[in-house]
């Protein structure tokens, strides 16, 4: 029942295909966590107001947060993090040569006291 929160600056251009990216991310998590594909939850936040470094218009960011139930060891988290990063890199670097994109992935354990319905 992982949650993915994708945040990106609004100067990223290929957002019309985000559903394809989330499909790849969900399938990767279903296989590698493992988890049920139907349990994957994702959302995207595009930030119209952002500041990076010298505030050049060519600076952009993509940040993915994965929140999952606790219990995975550090090696598993590192492997999943690298695979998530690689998928982001493949997706966002294509056709964005004019931008200086900073990619990052953060993995968090949900609090054990977690409710859903």
N, C-alpha and C. Protein backbone atom coordinates (compact mmCIF):
# COMPACT_ATOMS: atom_id res chain seq x y z
N UNK A 1 0.82 -1.16 0.00
CA UNK A 1 0.00 0.00 0.00
C UNK A 1 0.88 1.24 0.00
N UNK A 2 1.83 1.25 -0.90
CA UNK A 2 2.74 2.40 -0.96
C UNK A 2 2.06 3.65 -1.53
N UNK A 3 2.54 4.79 -1.07
CA UNK A 3 2.10 6.08 -1.58
C UNK A 3 3.28 6.73 -2.29
N UNK A 4 3.05 7.22 -3.50
CA UNK A 4 4.05 7.98 -4.24
C UNK A 4 3.55 9.41 -4.39
N UNK A 5 4.42 10.34 -4.05
CA UNK A 5 4.11 11.76 -4.22
C UNK A 5 5.19 12.35 -5.11
N UNK A 6 4.81 12.71 -6.32
CA UNK A 6 5.74 13.28 -7.29
C UNK A 6 5.56 14.79 -7.29
N UNK A 7 6.65 15.49 -7.07
CA UNK A 7 6.63 16.95 -7.11
C UNK A 7 7.58 17.40 -8.21
N UNK A 8 7.14 18.40 -8.98
CA UNK A 8 8.02 18.92 -10.02
C UNK A 8 7.77 20.39 -10.28
N UNK A 9 8.81 21.03 -10.76
CA UNK A 9 8.70 22.44 -11.12
C UNK A 9 7.89 22.55 -12.40
N UNK A 10 7.19 23.66 -12.56
CA UNK A 10 6.27 23.78 -13.70
C UNK A 10 6.97 24.09 -15.02
N UNK A 11 8.30 24.14 -15.04
CA UNK A 11 9.00 24.29 -16.31
C UNK A 11 9.37 22.94 -16.93
N UNK A 12 8.97 21.85 -16.31
CA UNK A 12 9.11 20.52 -16.89
C UNK A 12 8.03 20.37 -17.95
N UNK A 13 8.41 19.91 -19.13
CA UNK A 13 7.50 19.95 -20.27
C UNK A 13 6.67 18.69 -20.52
N UNK A 14 7.18 17.49 -20.25
CA UNK A 14 6.48 16.28 -20.71
C UNK A 14 5.53 15.71 -19.66
N UNK A 15 4.69 16.56 -19.09
CA UNK A 15 3.77 16.10 -18.05
C UNK A 15 2.53 15.40 -18.60
N UNK A 16 2.28 15.50 -19.89
CA UNK A 16 1.08 14.87 -20.46
C UNK A 16 1.17 13.34 -20.44
N UNK A 17 2.36 12.80 -20.19
CA UNK A 17 2.54 11.34 -20.18
C UNK A 17 2.81 10.80 -18.77
N UNK A 18 2.44 11.56 -17.75
CA UNK A 18 2.72 11.12 -16.38
C UNK A 18 2.02 9.82 -16.02
N UNK A 19 0.86 9.55 -16.59
CA UNK A 19 0.17 8.29 -16.28
C UNK A 19 1.02 7.09 -16.70
N UNK A 20 1.79 7.23 -17.78
CA UNK A 20 2.69 6.16 -18.20
C UNK A 20 3.81 5.96 -17.19
N UNK A 21 4.34 7.06 -16.66
CA UNK A 21 5.37 6.96 -15.64
C UNK A 21 4.82 6.28 -14.39
N UNK A 22 3.65 6.70 -13.93
CA UNK A 22 3.07 6.10 -12.73
C UNK A 22 2.77 4.62 -12.94
N UNK A 23 2.37 4.24 -14.14
CA UNK A 23 2.15 2.83 -14.44
C UNK A 23 3.44 2.03 -14.25
N UNK A 24 4.55 2.55 -14.76
CA UNK A 24 5.85 1.88 -14.59
C UNK A 24 6.26 1.83 -13.13
N UNK A 25 6.07 2.94 -12.42
CA UNK A 25 6.43 2.98 -11.00
C UNK A 25 5.60 1.98 -10.20
N UNK A 26 4.30 1.92 -10.45
CA UNK A 26 3.42 1.00 -9.73
C UNK A 26 3.83 -0.45 -9.97
N UNK A 27 4.08 -0.80 -11.23
CA UNK A 27 4.47 -2.18 -11.54
C UNK A 27 5.81 -2.54 -10.91
N UNK A 28 6.75 -1.61 -10.91
CA UNK A 28 8.04 -1.86 -10.28
C UNK A 28 7.86 -2.10 -8.79
N UNK A 29 7.05 -1.27 -8.12
CA UNK A 29 6.83 -1.44 -6.69
C UNK A 29 6.09 -2.74 -6.38
N UNK A 30 5.10 -3.08 -7.19
CA UNK A 30 4.35 -4.31 -6.98
C UNK A 30 5.28 -5.52 -7.02
N UNK A 31 6.25 -5.48 -7.90
CA UNK A 31 7.19 -6.59 -8.05
C UNK A 31 8.26 -6.58 -6.97
N UNK A 32 8.81 -5.42 -6.66
CA UNK A 32 10.00 -5.37 -5.82
C UNK A 32 9.73 -5.20 -4.33
N UNK A 33 8.59 -4.64 -3.92
CA UNK A 33 8.37 -4.49 -2.48
C UNK A 33 8.18 -5.83 -1.77
N UNK A 34 7.43 -6.75 -2.17
CA UNK A 34 6.32 -6.71 -3.11
C UNK A 34 5.05 -6.16 -2.45
N UNK A 35 4.10 -5.80 -3.31
CA UNK A 35 2.81 -5.31 -2.85
C UNK A 35 1.78 -5.57 -3.93
N UNK A 36 0.52 -5.41 -3.60
CA UNK A 36 -0.54 -5.54 -4.59
C UNK A 36 -0.55 -4.29 -5.47
N UNK A 37 -0.64 -4.48 -6.76
CA UNK A 37 -0.70 -3.35 -7.69
C UNK A 37 -1.88 -2.44 -7.35
N UNK A 38 -2.99 -3.03 -6.95
CA UNK A 38 -4.18 -2.24 -6.62
C UNK A 38 -4.00 -1.38 -5.38
N UNK A 39 -2.96 -1.64 -4.60
CA UNK A 39 -2.71 -0.86 -3.40
C UNK A 39 -1.85 0.37 -3.61
N UNK A 40 -1.26 0.51 -4.78
CA UNK A 40 -0.38 1.65 -5.05
C UNK A 40 -1.22 2.92 -5.21
N UNK A 41 -0.81 3.97 -4.53
CA UNK A 41 -1.51 5.26 -4.57
C UNK A 41 -0.51 6.34 -4.97
N UNK A 42 -0.85 7.13 -5.95
CA UNK A 42 0.07 8.16 -6.43
C UNK A 42 -0.64 9.47 -6.67
N UNK A 43 0.13 10.52 -6.55
CA UNK A 43 -0.35 11.86 -6.88
C UNK A 43 0.82 12.70 -7.32
N UNK A 44 0.49 13.78 -8.02
CA UNK A 44 1.51 14.66 -8.57
C UNK A 44 1.17 16.10 -8.20
N UNK A 45 2.19 16.82 -7.79
CA UNK A 45 2.05 18.24 -7.47
C UNK A 45 3.03 19.01 -8.35
N UNK A 46 2.50 19.89 -9.18
CA UNK A 46 3.34 20.73 -10.03
C UNK A 46 3.43 22.10 -9.38
N UNK A 47 4.64 22.51 -9.06
CA UNK A 47 4.86 23.76 -8.32
C UNK A 47 5.06 24.94 -9.28
N UNK A 48 4.12 25.87 -9.32
CA UNK A 48 4.27 27.05 -10.18
C UNK A 48 5.26 28.05 -9.61
N UNK A 49 5.47 28.02 -8.32
CA UNK A 49 6.39 28.94 -7.67
C UNK A 49 7.48 28.11 -7.01
N UNK A 50 8.71 28.24 -7.49
CA UNK A 50 9.83 27.46 -6.95
C UNK A 50 11.11 28.27 -7.13
N UNK A 51 12.09 27.99 -6.30
CA UNK A 51 13.37 28.70 -6.33
C UNK A 51 14.48 27.67 -6.21
N UNK A 52 15.39 27.69 -7.18
CA UNK A 52 16.51 26.76 -7.19
C UNK A 52 17.79 27.56 -7.43
N UNK A 53 18.73 27.43 -6.52
CA UNK A 53 20.06 28.02 -6.69
C UNK A 53 20.02 29.49 -7.06
N UNK A 54 20.60 29.80 -8.23
CA UNK A 54 20.69 31.19 -8.69
C UNK A 54 19.40 31.67 -9.35
N UNK A 55 18.35 30.87 -9.27
CA UNK A 55 17.03 31.17 -9.81
C UNK A 55 17.00 31.29 -11.33
N UNK A 56 17.94 30.65 -11.99
CA UNK A 56 17.94 30.61 -13.45
C UNK A 56 16.67 29.90 -13.93
N UNK A 57 16.09 30.38 -15.02
CA UNK A 57 14.89 29.75 -15.60
C UNK A 57 15.17 28.35 -16.12
N UNK A 58 16.44 28.01 -16.29
CA UNK A 58 16.81 26.69 -16.78
C UNK A 58 16.90 25.64 -15.67
N UNK A 59 16.79 26.07 -14.42
CA UNK A 59 16.82 25.13 -13.30
C UNK A 59 15.44 24.52 -13.10
N UNK A 60 15.42 23.21 -12.88
CA UNK A 60 14.16 22.49 -12.68
C UNK A 60 14.39 21.39 -11.65
N UNK A 61 13.29 20.90 -11.07
CA UNK A 61 13.44 19.80 -10.12
C UNK A 61 12.32 18.78 -10.28
N UNK A 62 12.67 17.55 -9.93
CA UNK A 62 11.73 16.45 -9.84
C UNK A 62 12.07 15.74 -8.54
N UNK A 63 11.09 15.62 -7.65
CA UNK A 63 11.31 14.94 -6.37
C UNK A 63 10.19 13.92 -6.17
N UNK A 64 10.59 12.69 -5.89
CA UNK A 64 9.62 11.62 -5.65
C UNK A 64 9.76 11.14 -4.21
N UNK A 65 8.65 11.13 -3.49
CA UNK A 65 8.62 10.58 -2.14
C UNK A 65 7.84 9.27 -2.17
N UNK A 66 8.44 8.23 -1.64
CA UNK A 66 7.76 6.94 -1.48
C UNK A 66 7.50 6.75 0.01
N UNK A 67 6.24 6.57 0.36
CA UNK A 67 5.86 6.26 1.74
C UNK A 67 5.32 4.84 1.75
N UNK A 68 5.88 4.01 2.64
CA UNK A 68 5.45 2.62 2.68
C UNK A 68 5.41 2.13 4.12
N UNK A 69 4.70 1.04 4.33
CA UNK A 69 4.63 0.46 5.66
C UNK A 69 6.02 0.03 6.10
N UNK A 70 6.34 0.14 7.39
CA UNK A 70 7.67 -0.22 7.86
C UNK A 70 7.92 -1.72 7.75
N UNK A 71 9.20 -2.09 7.78
CA UNK A 71 9.56 -3.50 7.79
C UNK A 71 10.58 -3.90 6.73
N UNK A 72 10.82 -3.04 5.76
CA UNK A 72 11.82 -3.36 4.75
C UNK A 72 13.20 -2.97 5.26
N UNK A 73 14.20 -3.79 4.97
CA UNK A 73 15.55 -3.47 5.43
C UNK A 73 16.19 -2.40 4.54
N UNK A 74 17.31 -1.88 5.01
CA UNK A 74 17.98 -0.77 4.33
C UNK A 74 18.43 -1.15 2.92
N UNK A 75 18.91 -2.37 2.75
CA UNK A 75 19.35 -2.82 1.43
C UNK A 75 18.18 -2.81 0.43
N UNK A 76 17.02 -3.28 0.86
CA UNK A 76 15.82 -3.29 0.01
C UNK A 76 15.42 -1.86 -0.35
N UNK A 77 15.46 -0.96 0.64
CA UNK A 77 15.10 0.44 0.39
C UNK A 77 16.06 1.09 -0.59
N UNK A 78 17.35 0.82 -0.45
CA UNK A 78 18.34 1.39 -1.38
C UNK A 78 18.11 0.88 -2.79
N UNK A 79 17.83 -0.40 -2.93
CA UNK A 79 17.59 -0.98 -4.25
C UNK A 79 16.34 -0.37 -4.89
N UNK A 80 15.28 -0.26 -4.13
CA UNK A 80 14.04 0.34 -4.65
C UNK A 80 14.27 1.80 -4.99
N UNK A 81 14.98 2.52 -4.13
CA UNK A 81 15.28 3.93 -4.38
C UNK A 81 16.05 4.14 -5.67
N UNK A 82 17.06 3.28 -5.90
CA UNK A 82 17.84 3.40 -7.14
C UNK A 82 16.97 3.12 -8.35
N UNK A 83 16.12 2.11 -8.27
CA UNK A 83 15.25 1.78 -9.40
C UNK A 83 14.23 2.88 -9.67
N UNK A 84 13.69 3.48 -8.62
CA UNK A 84 12.78 4.62 -8.80
C UNK A 84 13.52 5.78 -9.46
N UNK A 85 14.73 6.06 -8.98
CA UNK A 85 15.54 7.14 -9.54
C UNK A 85 15.81 6.90 -11.03
N UNK A 86 16.17 5.66 -11.37
CA UNK A 86 16.46 5.34 -12.78
C UNK A 86 15.23 5.54 -13.67
N UNK A 87 14.05 5.17 -13.18
CA UNK A 87 12.82 5.39 -13.95
C UNK A 87 12.56 6.88 -14.15
N UNK A 88 12.75 7.66 -13.09
CA UNK A 88 12.59 9.12 -13.22
C UNK A 88 13.59 9.69 -14.21
N UNK A 89 14.82 9.25 -14.11
CA UNK A 89 15.88 9.74 -14.99
C UNK A 89 15.54 9.45 -16.45
N UNK A 90 15.13 8.22 -16.73
CA UNK A 90 14.75 7.85 -18.10
C UNK A 90 13.59 8.69 -18.60
N UNK A 91 12.61 8.94 -17.76
CA UNK A 91 11.40 9.64 -18.17
C UNK A 91 11.63 11.14 -18.36
N UNK A 92 12.30 11.78 -17.42
CA UNK A 92 12.37 13.24 -17.43
C UNK A 92 13.55 13.82 -18.19
N UNK A 93 14.59 13.07 -18.42
CA UNK A 93 15.75 13.63 -19.13
C UNK A 93 15.52 13.69 -20.64
N UNK A 94 14.62 12.88 -21.16
CA UNK A 94 14.34 12.87 -22.60
C UNK A 94 13.63 14.16 -22.99
N UNK A 95 14.18 14.87 -23.94
CA UNK A 95 13.55 16.09 -24.46
C UNK A 95 13.64 17.29 -23.54
N UNK A 96 14.44 17.19 -22.49
CA UNK A 96 14.56 18.30 -21.54
C UNK A 96 16.00 18.82 -21.52
N UNK A 97 16.72 18.69 -22.62
CA UNK A 97 18.14 19.02 -22.66
C UNK A 97 18.43 20.46 -22.27
N UNK A 98 17.50 21.37 -22.51
CA UNK A 98 17.74 22.77 -22.20
C UNK A 98 17.64 23.06 -20.70
N UNK A 99 17.08 22.13 -19.93
CA UNK A 99 16.90 22.34 -18.50
C UNK A 99 18.00 21.65 -17.68
N UNK A 100 18.34 22.27 -16.59
CA UNK A 100 19.23 21.68 -15.60
C UNK A 100 18.33 21.05 -14.53
N UNK A 101 17.98 19.78 -14.73
CA UNK A 101 17.03 19.10 -13.85
C UNK A 101 17.76 18.40 -12.71
N UNK A 102 17.30 18.67 -11.50
CA UNK A 102 17.78 17.95 -10.33
C UNK A 102 16.72 16.92 -9.95
N UNK A 103 17.13 15.66 -9.93
CA UNK A 103 16.23 14.57 -9.55
C UNK A 103 16.56 14.11 -8.14
N UNK A 104 15.53 13.76 -7.38
CA UNK A 104 15.77 13.19 -6.05
C UNK A 104 14.64 12.24 -5.69
N UNK A 105 14.99 11.25 -4.86
CA UNK A 105 14.03 10.26 -4.38
C UNK A 105 14.21 10.15 -2.86
N UNK A 106 13.10 10.17 -2.15
CA UNK A 106 13.11 10.04 -0.70
C UNK A 106 12.20 8.87 -0.33
N UNK A 107 12.68 8.00 0.55
CA UNK A 107 11.89 6.85 0.98
C UNK A 107 11.62 6.99 2.47
N UNK A 108 10.35 6.94 2.83
CA UNK A 108 9.92 7.10 4.21
C UNK A 108 9.06 5.92 4.64
N UNK A 109 9.24 5.50 5.89
CA UNK A 109 8.33 4.52 6.48
C UNK A 109 7.14 5.27 7.06
N UNK A 110 5.95 4.76 6.78
CA UNK A 110 4.76 5.31 7.41
C UNK A 110 4.80 4.99 8.90
N UNK A 111 4.18 5.82 9.68
CA UNK A 111 4.07 5.55 11.11
C UNK A 111 3.30 4.24 11.29
N UNK A 112 3.73 3.40 12.24
CA UNK A 112 3.00 2.14 12.45
C UNK A 112 1.52 2.35 12.80
N UNK A 113 1.21 3.51 13.38
CA UNK A 113 -0.19 3.84 13.66
C UNK A 113 -0.72 4.57 12.44
N UNK A 114 -1.28 3.80 11.53
CA UNK A 114 -1.73 4.32 10.24
C UNK A 114 -3.13 3.76 10.00
N UNK A 115 -4.02 4.59 9.56
CA UNK A 115 -5.40 4.18 9.33
C UNK A 115 -5.76 4.37 7.87
N UNK A 116 -6.53 3.46 7.33
CA UNK A 116 -7.05 3.62 5.98
C UNK A 116 -8.43 2.97 5.93
N UNK A 117 -9.18 3.33 4.93
CA UNK A 117 -10.52 2.76 4.85
C UNK A 117 -11.00 2.69 3.45
